[in-house]
Amino acid sequence: MNIDRMVFAFAGIVILASLALSQYHNVNWLWLTAFVGANMLQAAFTGFCPLAMVLKLAGRQPGCAFK
């Protein structure tokens, strides 16, 4: 699995987890969903993704979205 797919999978898991936590625990967990969405939006324009940088340092193969 390349870095792009790992970033998208991680973002999806965090979003779904925060939505579930907002329903079963506290509505303030929706701030995590907003943070992930904002980070994905800025990464689309800038190409800067902290998770992609960490995965690249860990030796994962890059895809074509994050260089």
Protein backbone atom coordinates (compact mmCIF):
# COMPACT_ATOMS: atom_id res chain seq x y z
CA MET A 1 0.00 0.00 0.00
CA ASN A 2 1.47 3.37 -0.96
CA ILE A 3 1.48 6.58 1.06
CA ASP A 4 -1.56 8.07 -0.70
CA ARG A 5 -3.81 5.14 0.10
CA MET A 6 -2.55 5.01 3.68
CA VAL A 7 -3.30 8.72 4.19
CA PHE A 8 -6.81 8.38 2.77
CA ALA A 9 -7.49 5.24 4.82
CA PHE A 10 -6.25 6.90 8.01
CA ALA A 11 -8.35 10.01 7.38
CA GLY A 12 -11.43 7.88 6.75
CA ILE A 13 -10.91 5.88 9.93
CA VAL A 14 -10.43 9.02 12.04
CA ILE A 15 -13.52 10.66 10.54
CA LEU A 16 -15.72 7.60 11.11
CA ALA A 17 -14.37 7.13 14.63
CA SER A 18 -15.00 10.77 15.56
CA LEU A 19 -18.53 10.59 14.17
CA ALA A 20 -19.23 7.49 16.24
CA LEU A 21 -17.72 9.09 19.34
CA SER A 22 -19.84 12.20 18.82
CA GLN A 23 -22.97 10.07 18.82
CA TYR A 24 -22.11 7.84 21.77
CA HIS A 25 -19.90 10.02 23.95
CA ASN A 26 -19.78 13.78 23.39
CA VAL A 27 -20.70 16.07 20.49
CA ASN A 28 -17.37 17.88 20.79
CA TRP A 29 -15.71 14.97 18.96
CA LEU A 30 -17.02 16.59 15.76
CA TRP A 31 -14.15 19.09 16.08
CA LEU A 32 -11.80 16.23 15.19
CA THR A 33 -13.83 15.61 12.03
CA ALA A 34 -13.58 19.31 11.16
CA PHE A 35 -9.80 19.27 11.74
CA VAL A 36 -9.29 16.25 9.48
CA GLY A 37 -11.45 17.82 6.77
CA ALA A 38 -9.56 21.12 6.97
CA ASN A 39 -6.23 19.29 6.78
CA MET A 40 -7.38 17.35 3.72
CA LEU A 41 -8.51 20.60 2.06
CA GLN A 42 -5.21 22.38 2.65
CA ALA A 43 -3.27 19.28 1.50
CA ALA A 44 -5.21 19.34 -1.76
CA PHE A 45 -3.96 22.86 -2.49
CA THR A 46 -0.48 22.81 -0.97
CA GLY A 47 0.60 19.17 -1.21
CA PHE A 48 1.75 19.36 2.43
CA CYS A 49 0.56 16.47 4.58
CA PRO A 50 2.23 15.75 7.94
CA LEU A 51 1.17 12.08 7.92
CA ALA A 52 2.61 11.62 4.43
CA MET A 53 5.91 13.06 5.61
CA VAL A 54 6.03 10.65 8.56
CA LEU A 55 5.18 7.69 6.35
CA LYS A 56 7.87 8.70 3.86
CA LEU A 57 10.44 8.85 6.67
CA ALA A 58 9.26 5.38 7.76
CA GLY A 59 10.22 4.08 4.33
CA ARG A 60 6.82 3.68 2.67
CA GLN A 61 6.60 3.95 -1.10
CA PRO A 62 5.20 7.29 -2.27
CA GLY A 63 2.23 7.54 -4.58
CA CYS A 64 1.57 10.42 -6.94
CA ALA A 65 -0.51 12.71 -4.68
CA PHE A 66 2.07 13.56 -2.00
CA LYS A 67 5.69 14.10 -2.98
